[in-house]
Amino acid sequence: MTLDEFIKYLPSGSGFNCEWEFVKKQKNGSLIFETFFHNMNNDGYYDGYTKIRLKIPRKFKDFSISLMGKKKYTDIYTKDFFSDTIYYSLENIKAFTITDI
């Protein structure tokens, strides 16, 4: 699977309005991807972005994310939403190898 093919599995739309970008491959083989989530406030207006960094280990069984942005959009409930959304977008990939790194 190429990086571009893998990125197509990552969430898009519904706040994930920016492109996913491959950042780097770490020494341990983990892959790092980043995007920005378009936040919406309680009044329904866009209210900035939250940066999402996704780390996929070499042996893809799980992943970790980190969030950077306004505190009200990086709390535990929001992190759970991002984690669940990414998990369900990747659940059809059981095992893969990125071939073009």
Protein backbone atom coordinates (compact mmCIF):
# COMPACT_ATOMS: atom_id res chain seq x y z
CA MET A 1 0.00 0.00 0.00
CA THR A 2 1.39 3.42 -0.87
CA LEU A 3 1.23 6.43 1.44
CA ASP A 4 -1.40 8.02 -0.79
CA GLU A 5 -3.55 4.90 -0.63
CA PHE A 6 -3.24 4.78 3.16
CA ILE A 7 -4.11 8.47 3.53
CA LYS A 8 -7.35 7.84 1.62
CA TYR A 9 -8.51 5.69 4.56
CA LEU A 10 -8.06 8.54 7.06
CA PRO A 11 -11.15 10.62 7.91
CA SER A 12 -12.18 13.52 5.68
CA GLY A 13 -15.11 15.90 5.87
CA SER A 14 -17.30 16.73 8.90
CA GLY A 15 -14.60 18.92 10.42
CA PHE A 16 -11.67 17.02 8.94
CA ASN A 17 -11.61 19.66 6.21
CA CYS A 18 -7.84 19.79 5.69
CA GLU A 19 -5.64 17.28 3.90
CA TRP A 20 -3.74 14.65 5.88
CA GLU A 21 0.00 15.01 5.49
CA PHE A 22 2.73 12.43 6.02
CA VAL A 23 5.28 14.07 8.35
CA LYS A 24 8.00 11.47 8.92
CA LYS A 25 8.98 7.91 9.60
CA GLN A 26 10.58 7.52 13.02
CA LYS A 27 13.63 5.36 13.72
CA ASN A 28 11.41 2.70 15.31
CA GLY A 29 9.32 2.48 12.11
CA SER A 30 6.32 4.45 13.37
CA LEU A 31 4.63 6.73 10.86
CA ILE A 32 3.56 10.26 11.75
CA PHE A 33 0.66 12.02 10.01
CA GLU A 34 -0.90 15.44 10.70
CA THR A 35 -4.04 17.34 9.82
CA PHE A 36 -6.21 20.11 11.22
CA PHE A 37 -9.79 19.75 12.45
CA HIS A 38 -12.10 22.72 11.84
CA ASN A 39 -13.73 23.46 15.22
CA MET A 40 -17.29 24.72 15.58
CA ASN A 41 -18.50 26.60 18.65
CA ASN A 42 -21.86 26.20 20.42
CA ASP A 43 -23.41 28.85 18.15
CA GLY A 44 -22.52 26.93 15.00
CA TYR A 45 -19.69 29.21 13.85
CA TYR A 46 -16.24 28.03 12.92
CA ASP A 47 -13.83 28.77 15.74
CA GLY A 48 -10.32 27.93 14.59
CA TYR A 49 -8.50 24.66 14.13
CA THR A 50 -7.13 21.86 16.26
CA LYS A 51 -3.93 20.25 15.01
CA ILE A 52 -4.07 16.46 15.12
CA ARG A 53 -0.90 14.36 15.08
CA LEU A 54 -1.44 10.68 14.42
CA LYS A 55 1.25 8.10 15.23
CA ILE A 56 0.90 4.65 13.69
CA PRO A 57 3.33 2.04 15.09
CA ARG A 58 5.29 -0.21 12.74
CA LYS A 59 3.12 -3.15 13.78
CA PHE A 60 -0.28 -1.61 13.25
CA LYS A 61 -2.44 -2.81 16.13
CA ASP A 62 -3.28 0.54 17.65
CA PHE A 63 -2.37 4.18 17.24
CA SER A 64 -1.93 7.28 19.36
CA ILE A 65 -2.94 10.87 18.74
CA SER A 66 -1.95 14.19 20.20
CA LEU A 67 -3.96 17.39 19.94
CA MET A 68 -2.73 20.97 19.80
CA GLY A 69 -5.09 23.96 19.87
CA LYS A 70 -7.60 25.78 22.06
CA LYS A 71 -8.02 24.01 25.39
CA LYS A 72 -11.79 23.76 25.03
CA TYR A 73 -11.28 21.66 21.89
CA THR A 74 -8.56 19.36 23.23
CA ASP A 75 -10.28 17.93 26.30
CA ILE A 76 -10.69 14.21 26.91
CA TYR A 77 -14.13 14.03 25.24
CA THR A 78 -12.84 15.64 22.07
CA LYS A 79 -9.79 13.37 22.06
CA ASP A 80 -12.14 10.39 22.35
CA PHE A 81 -14.14 11.68 19.37
CA PHE A 82 -10.99 12.03 17.24
CA SER A 83 -9.68 8.62 18.34
CA ASP A 84 -13.00 6.90 17.60
CA THR A 85 -13.34 8.60 14.22
CA ILE A 86 -9.82 7.59 13.17
CA TYR A 87 -10.25 4.07 14.56
CA TYR A 88 -13.45 3.45 12.58
CA SER A 89 -11.95 4.88 9.39
CA LEU A 90 -9.01 2.45 9.67
CA GLU A 91 -10.81 -0.64 10.97
CA ASN A 92 -10.91 -2.25 7.52
CA ILE A 93 -7.13 -2.27 7.34
CA LYS A 94 -6.02 -5.31 9.32
CA ALA A 95 -2.42 -5.40 8.21
CA PHE A 96 -0.57 -3.27 5.75
CA THR A 97 2.86 -2.35 4.55
CA ILE A 98 3.63 1.13 3.27
CA THR A 99 5.75 0.56 0.19
CA ASP A 100 6.94 4.02 -0.87
CA ILE A 101 8.81 5.30 2.21
